[in-house]
Amino acid sequence: MSADDLTPPEAARWAARSGLPLAPERHADVAAAAEHIHSVVSVLRELGFGDTPPSAAFRAGGEQPDAAV
């Protein structure tokens, strides 16, 4: 565990600050879920989406059928 990992007491404190008090038996599970979400977001931030157009550039249902499928 690194020094930046969210501890169960910290998870409970952040949840309480957000208006979502947690039962004590949920603190560790919430901290683990938050750590997992943080790790996924960290990976997504590293991906190069600079050349990807915004979602408004695409139209739903405008896909061409692929004859090879």
PDB file of N, CA and C in Angstrom:
ATOM      1  N   MET A   1       0.832  -1.179   0.000  1.00  0.00           N
ATOM      2  CA  MET A   1       0.000   0.000   0.000  1.00  0.00           C
ATOM      3  C   MET A   1       0.876   1.241   0.000  1.00  0.00           C
ATOM      4  N   SER A   2       0.523   2.213  -0.846  1.00  0.00           N
ATOM      5  CA  SER A   2       1.298   3.448  -0.864  1.00  0.00           C
ATOM      6  C   SER A   2       0.718   4.439   0.137  1.00  0.00           C
ATOM      7  N   ALA A   3       1.453   5.496   0.356  1.00  0.00           N
ATOM      8  CA  ALA A   3       1.003   6.521   1.305  1.00  0.00           C
ATOM      9  C   ALA A   3      -0.233   7.249   0.787  1.00  0.00           C
ATOM     10  N   ASP A   4      -0.496   7.149  -0.518  1.00  0.00           N
ATOM     11  CA  ASP A   4      -1.644   7.843  -1.111  1.00  0.00           C
ATOM     12  C   ASP A   4      -2.934   7.032  -1.066  1.00  0.00           C
ATOM     13  N   ASP A   5      -2.873   5.773  -0.635  1.00  0.00           N
ATOM     14  CA  ASP A   5      -4.073   4.936  -0.603  1.00  0.00           C
ATOM     15  C   ASP A   5      -5.099   5.497   0.373  1.00  0.00           C
ATOM     16  N   LEU A   6      -6.338   5.371  -0.009  1.00  0.00           N
ATOM     17  CA  LEU A   6      -7.441   5.824   0.830  1.00  0.00           C
ATOM     18  C   LEU A   6      -7.689   4.796   1.934  1.00  0.00           C
ATOM     19  N   THR A   7      -7.629   5.230   3.171  1.00  0.00           N
ATOM     20  CA  THR A   7      -7.863   4.325   4.291  1.00  0.00           C
ATOM     21  C   THR A   7      -9.363   4.258   4.590  1.00  0.00           C
ATOM     22  N   PRO A   8      -9.825   3.189   5.220  1.00  0.00           N
ATOM     23  CA  PRO A   8     -11.242   3.090   5.567  1.00  0.00           C
ATOM     24  C   PRO A   8     -11.749   4.279   6.394  1.00  0.00           C
ATOM     25  N   PRO A   9     -10.995   4.760   7.401  1.00  0.00           N
ATOM     26  CA  PRO A   9     -11.498   5.936   8.130  1.00  0.00           C
ATOM     27  C   PRO A   9     -11.618   7.184   7.242  1.00  0.00           C
ATOM     28  N   GLU A  10     -10.673   7.336   6.309  1.00  0.00           N
ATOM     29  CA  GLU A  10     -10.763   8.471   5.388  1.00  0.00           C
ATOM     30  C   GLU A  10     -11.969   8.342   4.471  1.00  0.00           C
ATOM     31  N   ALA A  11     -12.235   7.133   4.008  1.00  0.00           N
ATOM     32  CA  ALA A  11     -13.412   6.905   3.153  1.00  0.00           C
ATOM     33  C   ALA A  11     -14.690   7.254   3.907  1.00  0.00           C
ATOM     34  N   ALA A  12     -14.748   6.869   5.182  1.00  0.00           N
ATOM     35  CA  ALA A  12     -15.928   7.188   5.996  1.00  0.00           C
ATOM     36  C   ALA A  12     -16.065   8.695   6.183  1.00  0.00           C
ATOM     37  N   ARG A  13     -14.941   9.359   6.388  1.00  0.00           N
ATOM     38  CA  ARG A  13     -14.971  10.813   6.582  1.00  0.00           C
ATOM     39  C   ARG A  13     -15.439  11.520   5.317  1.00  0.00           C
ATOM     40  N   TRP A  14     -14.905  11.114   4.151  1.00  0.00           N
ATOM     41  CA  TRP A  14     -15.314  11.724   2.891  1.00  0.00           C
ATOM     42  C   TRP A  14     -16.782  11.443   2.591  1.00  0.00           C
ATOM     43  N   ALA A  15     -17.230  10.251   2.881  1.00  0.00           N
ATOM     44  CA  ALA A  15     -18.643   9.923   2.653  1.00  0.00           C
ATOM     45  C   ALA A  15     -19.536  10.771   3.547  1.00  0.00           C
ATOM     46  N   ALA A  16     -19.160  10.930   4.799  1.00  0.00           N
ATOM     47  CA  ALA A  16     -19.943  11.749   5.726  1.00  0.00           C
ATOM     48  C   ALA A  16     -19.977  13.199   5.270  1.00  0.00           C
ATOM     49  N   ARG A  17     -18.853  13.713   4.772  1.00  0.00           N
ATOM     50  CA  ARG A  17     -18.819  15.085   4.269  1.00  0.00           C
ATOM     51  C   ARG A  17     -19.734  15.265   3.072  1.00  0.00           C
ATOM     52  N   SER A  18     -19.968  14.177   2.331  1.00  0.00           N
ATOM     53  CA  SER A  18     -20.842  14.225   1.159  1.00  0.00           C
ATOM     54  C   SER A  18     -22.302  13.983   1.515  1.00  0.00           C
ATOM     55  N   GLY A  19     -22.562  13.771   2.807  1.00  0.00           N
ATOM     56  CA  GLY A  19     -23.933  13.518   3.240  1.00  0.00           C
ATOM     57  C   GLY A  19     -24.348  12.061   3.142  1.00  0.00           C
ATOM     58  N   LEU A  20     -23.367  11.163   3.041  1.00  0.00           N
ATOM     59  CA  LEU A  20     -23.647   9.732   2.929  1.00  0.00           C
ATOM     60  C   LEU A  20     -22.956   8.970   4.058  1.00  0.00           C
ATOM     61  N   PRO A  21     -23.489   9.050   5.259  1.00  0.00           N
ATOM     62  CA  PRO A  21     -22.834   8.326   6.350  1.00  0.00           C
ATOM     63  C   PRO A  21     -22.833   6.816   6.090  1.00  0.00           C
ATOM     64  N   LEU A  22     -21.721   6.189   6.423  1.00  0.00           N
ATOM     65  CA  LEU A  22     -21.557   4.752   6.190  1.00  0.00           C
ATOM     66  C   LEU A  22     -21.588   3.980   7.496  1.00  0.00           C
ATOM     67  N   ALA A  23     -22.153   2.792   7.427  1.00  0.00           N
ATOM     68  CA  ALA A  23     -22.073   1.878   8.567  1.00  0.00           C
ATOM     69  C   ALA A  23     -20.613   1.432   8.697  1.00  0.00           C
ATOM     70  N   PRO A  24     -20.117   1.259   9.903  1.00  0.00           N
ATOM     71  CA  PRO A  24     -18.692   0.895  10.096  1.00  0.00           C
ATOM     72  C   PRO A  24     -18.239  -0.326   9.299  1.00  0.00           C
ATOM     73  N   GLU A  25     -19.091  -1.296   9.100  1.00  0.00           N
ATOM     74  CA  GLU A  25     -18.680  -2.502   8.373  1.00  0.00           C
ATOM     75  C   GLU A  25     -18.509  -2.245   6.866  1.00  0.00           C
ATOM     76  N   ARG A  26     -18.923  -1.082   6.372  1.00  0.00           N
ATOM     77  CA  ARG A  26     -18.799  -0.743   4.955  1.00  0.00           C
ATOM     78  C   ARG A  26     -17.550   0.087   4.635  1.00  0.00           C
ATOM     79  N   HIS A  27     -16.863   0.597   5.643  1.00  0.00           N
ATOM     80  CA  HIS A  27     -15.728   1.495   5.426  1.00  0.00           C
ATOM     81  C   HIS A  27     -14.653   0.872   4.535  1.00  0.00           C
ATOM     82  N   ALA A  28     -14.253  -0.341   4.814  1.00  0.00           N
ATOM     83  CA  ALA A  28     -13.182  -0.989   4.043  1.00  0.00           C
ATOM     84  C   ALA A  28     -13.622  -1.251   2.605  1.00  0.00           C
ATOM     85  N   ASP A  29     -14.867  -1.685   2.411  1.00  0.00           N
ATOM     86  CA  ASP A  29     -15.360  -1.951   1.059  1.00  0.00           C
ATOM     87  C   ASP A  29     -15.421  -0.673   0.225  1.00  0.00           C
ATOM     88  N   VAL A  30     -15.878   0.406   0.829  1.00  0.00           N
ATOM     89  CA  VAL A  30     -15.963   1.676   0.112  1.00  0.00           C
ATOM     90  C   VAL A  30     -14.566   2.194  -0.212  1.00  0.00           C
ATOM     91  N   ALA A  31     -13.636   2.064   0.697  1.00  0.00           N
ATOM     92  CA  ALA A  31     -12.259   2.494   0.436  1.00  0.00           C
ATOM     93  C   ALA A  31     -11.661   1.684  -0.713  1.00  0.00           C
ATOM     94  N   ALA A  32     -11.903   0.392  -0.742  1.00  0.00           N
ATOM     95  CA  ALA A  32     -11.378  -0.457  -1.818  1.00  0.00           C
ATOM     96  C   ALA A  32     -12.005  -0.084  -3.158  1.00  0.00           C
ATOM     97  N   ALA A  33     -13.309   0.174  -3.171  1.00  0.00           N
ATOM     98  CA  ALA A  33     -13.978   0.567  -4.412  1.00  0.00           C
ATOM     99  C   ALA A  33     -13.452   1.913  -4.912  1.00  0.00           C
ATOM    100  N   ALA A  34     -13.255   2.851  -4.007  1.00  0.00           N
ATOM    101  CA  ALA A  34     -12.734   4.165  -4.381  1.00  0.00           C
ATOM    102  C   ALA A  34     -11.319   4.046  -4.943  1.00  0.00           C
ATOM    103  N   GLU A  35     -10.500   3.202  -4.354  1.00  0.00           N
ATOM    104  CA  GLU A  35      -9.140   2.988  -4.855  1.00  0.00           C
ATOM    105  C   GLU A  35      -9.173   2.396  -6.261  1.00  0.00           C
ATOM    106  N   HIS A  36     -10.088   1.449  -6.495  1.00  0.00           N
ATOM    107  CA  HIS A  36     -10.199   0.840  -7.817  1.00  0.00           C
ATOM    108  C   HIS A  36     -10.629   1.883  -8.852  1.00  0.00           C
ATOM    109  N   ILE A  37     -11.618   2.681  -8.525  1.00  0.00           N
ATOM    110  CA  ILE A  37     -12.084   3.731  -9.431  1.00  0.00           C
ATOM    111  C   ILE A  37     -10.946   4.703  -9.724  1.00  0.00           C
ATOM    112  N   HIS A  38     -10.197   5.073  -8.694  1.00  0.00           N
ATOM    113  CA  HIS A  38      -9.081   5.987  -8.883  1.00  0.00           C
ATOM    114  C   HIS A  38      -8.034   5.389  -9.820  1.00  0.00           C
ATOM    115  N   SER A  39      -7.753   4.109  -9.689  1.00  0.00           N
ATOM    116  CA  SER A  39      -6.749   3.482 -10.554  1.00  0.00           C
ATOM    117  C   SER A  39      -7.225   3.438 -12.008  1.00  0.00           C
ATOM    118  N   VAL A  40      -8.511   3.196 -12.227  1.00  0.00           N
ATOM    119  CA  VAL A  40      -9.051   3.175 -13.590  1.00  0.00           C
ATOM    120  C   VAL A  40      -8.995   4.574 -14.199  1.00  0.00           C
ATOM    121  N   VAL A  41      -9.406   5.579 -13.448  1.00  0.00           N
ATOM    122  CA  VAL A  41      -9.379   6.955 -13.948  1.00  0.00           C
ATOM    123  C   VAL A  41      -7.943   7.379 -14.250  1.00  0.00           C
ATOM    124  N   SER A  42      -7.000   6.953 -13.426  1.00  0.00           N
ATOM    125  CA  SER A  42      -5.594   7.293 -13.669  1.00  0.00           C
ATOM    126  C   SER A  42      -5.116   6.735 -15.000  1.00  0.00           C
ATOM    127  N   VAL A  43      -5.508   5.518 -15.323  1.00  0.00           N
ATOM    128  CA  VAL A  43      -5.121   4.913 -16.602  1.00  0.00           C
ATOM    129  C   VAL A  43      -5.787   5.660 -17.757  1.00  0.00           C
ATOM    130  N   LEU A  44      -7.063   6.004 -17.605  1.00  0.00           N
ATOM    131  CA  LEU A  44      -7.765   6.727 -18.667  1.00  0.00           C
ATOM    132  C   LEU A  44      -7.128   8.083 -18.938  1.00  0.00           C
ATOM    133  N   ARG A  45      -6.642   8.738 -17.904  1.00  0.00           N
ATOM    134  CA  ARG A  45      -5.992  10.042 -18.079  1.00  0.00           C
ATOM    135  C   ARG A  45      -4.705   9.930 -18.884  1.00  0.00           C
ATOM    136  N   GLU A  46      -4.074   8.767 -18.865  1.00  0.00           N
ATOM    137  CA  GLU A  46      -2.824   8.570 -19.591  1.00  0.00           C
ATOM    138  C   GLU A  46      -3.042   8.298 -21.076  1.00  0.00           C
ATOM    139  N   LEU A  47      -4.252   7.938 -21.458  1.00  0.00           N
ATOM    140  CA  LEU A  47      -4.533   7.626 -22.853  1.00  0.00           C
ATOM    141  C   LEU A  47      -4.576   8.913 -23.672  1.00  0.00           C
ATOM    142  N   GLY A  48      -4.148   8.825 -24.902  1.00  0.00           N
ATOM    143  CA  GLY A  48      -4.126   9.995 -25.773  1.00  0.00           C
ATOM    144  C   GLY A  48      -5.435  10.152 -26.531  1.00  0.00           C
ATOM    145  N   PHE A  49      -6.327  10.959 -26.021  1.00  0.00           N
ATOM    146  CA  PHE A  49      -7.595  11.213 -26.697  1.00  0.00           C
ATOM    147  C   PHE A  49      -7.559  12.536 -27.455  1.00  0.00           C
ATOM    148  N   GLY A  50      -6.365  13.119 -27.640  1.00  0.00           N
ATOM    149  CA  GLY A  50      -6.240  14.430 -28.262  1.00  0.00           C
ATOM    150  C   GLY A  50      -6.830  14.511 -29.659  1.00  0.00           C
ATOM    151  N   ASP A  51      -6.729  13.455 -30.466  1.00  0.00           N
ATOM    152  CA  ASP A  51      -7.224  13.478 -31.843  1.00  0.00           C
ATOM    153  C   ASP A  51      -8.636  12.926 -31.967  1.00  0.00           C
ATOM    154  N   THR A  52      -9.241  12.569 -30.864  1.00  0.00           N
ATOM    155  CA  THR A  52     -10.594  12.005 -30.895  1.00  0.00           C
ATOM    156  C   THR A  52     -11.615  13.134 -30.898  1.00  0.00           C
ATOM    157  N   PRO A  53     -12.500  13.163 -31.901  1.00  0.00           N
ATOM    158  CA  PRO A  53     -13.498  14.231 -31.930  1.00  0.00           C
ATOM    159  C   PRO A  53     -14.502  14.066 -30.787  1.00  0.00           C
ATOM    160  N   PRO A  54     -15.141  15.152 -30.373  1.00  0.00           N
ATOM    161  CA  PRO A  54     -16.133  15.062 -29.300  1.00  0.00           C
ATOM    162  C   PRO A  54     -17.328  14.208 -29.742  1.00  0.00           C
ATOM    163  N   SER A  55     -18.060  13.718 -28.794  1.00  0.00           N
ATOM    164  CA  SER A  55     -19.178  12.824 -29.091  1.00  0.00           C
ATOM    165  C   SER A  55     -20.227  13.470 -29.983  1.00  0.00           C
ATOM    166  N   ALA A  56     -20.348  14.796 -29.970  1.00  0.00           N
ATOM    167  CA  ALA A  56     -21.336  15.467 -30.807  1.00  0.00           C
ATOM    168  C   ALA A  56     -21.032  15.293 -32.300  1.00  0.00           C
ATOM    169  N   ALA A  57     -19.824  14.874 -32.643  1.00  0.00           N
ATOM    170  CA  ALA A  57     -19.448  14.679 -34.038  1.00  0.00           C
ATOM    171  C   ALA A  57     -20.009  13.386 -34.611  1.00  0.00           C
ATOM    172  N   PHE A  58     -20.543  12.522 -33.774  1.00  0.00           N
ATOM    173  CA  PHE A  58     -21.063  11.238 -34.211  1.00  0.00           C
ATOM    174  C   PHE A  58     -22.589  11.235 -34.158  1.00  0.00           C
ATOM    175  N   ARG A  59     -23.202  10.517 -35.090  1.00  0.00           N
ATOM    176  CA  ARG A  59     -24.656  10.397 -35.109  1.00  0.00           C
ATOM    177  C   ARG A  59     -25.031   8.948 -34.852  1.00  0.00           C
ATOM    178  N   ALA A  60     -25.929   8.730 -33.942  1.00  0.00           N
ATOM    179  CA  ALA A  60     -26.390   7.376 -33.636  1.00  0.00           C
ATOM    180  C   ALA A  60     -27.101   6.804 -34.852  1.00  0.00           C
ATOM    181  N   GLY A  61     -26.824   5.560 -35.155  1.00  0.00           N
ATOM    182  CA  GLY A  61     -27.481   4.890 -36.273  1.00  0.00           C
ATOM    183  C   GLY A  61     -26.838   5.192 -37.608  1.00  0.00           C
ATOM    184  N   GLY A  62     -25.767   5.950 -37.625  1.00  0.00           N
ATOM    185  CA  GLY A  62     -25.113   6.305 -38.878  1.00  0.00           C
ATOM    186  C   GLY A  62     -24.033   5.333 -39.296  1.00  0.00           C
ATOM    187  N   GLU A  63     -23.908   4.216 -38.586  1.00  0.00           N
ATOM    188  CA  GLU A  63     -22.876   3.244 -38.905  1.00  0.00           C
ATOM    189  C   GLU A  63     -23.235   2.515 -40.196  1.00  0.00           C
ATOM    190  N   GLN A  64     -22.215   2.230 -40.975  1.00  0.00           N
ATOM    191  CA  GLN A  64     -22.410   1.464 -42.211  1.00  0.00           C
ATOM    192  C   GLN A  64     -22.265  -0.020 -41.878  1.00  0.00           C
ATOM    193  N   PRO A  65     -23.160  -0.863 -42.386  1.00  0.00           N
ATOM    194  CA  PRO A  65     -23.020  -2.297 -42.124  1.00  0.00           C
ATOM    195  C   PRO A  65     -21.732  -2.830 -42.745  1.00  0.00           C
ATOM    196  N   ASP A  66     -21.092  -3.725 -42.069  1.00  0.00           N
ATOM    197  CA  ASP A  66     -19.859  -4.322 -42.537  1.00  0.00           C
ATOM    198  C   ASP A  66     -20.197  -5.620 -43.253  1.00  0.00           C
ATOM    199  N   ALA A  67     -19.933  -5.681 -44.537  1.00  0.00           N
ATOM    200  CA  ALA A  67     -20.285  -6.854 -45.327  1.00  0.00           C
ATOM    201  C   ALA A  67     -19.481  -8.087 -44.934  1.00  0.00           C
ATOM    202  N   ALA A  68     -18.346  -7.878 -44.261  1.00  0.00           N
ATOM    203  CA  ALA A  68     -17.502  -9.007 -43.882  1.00  0.00           C
ATOM    204  C   ALA A  68     -18.038  -9.750 -42.677  1.00  0.00           C
ATOM    205  N   VAL A  69     -18.988  -9.168 -41.973  1.00  0.00           N
ATOM    206  CA  VAL A  69     -19.498  -9.802 -40.752  1.00  0.00           C
ATOM    207  C   VAL A  69     -20.599 -10.759 -41.067  1.00  0.00           C
TER     208      VAL A  69
END
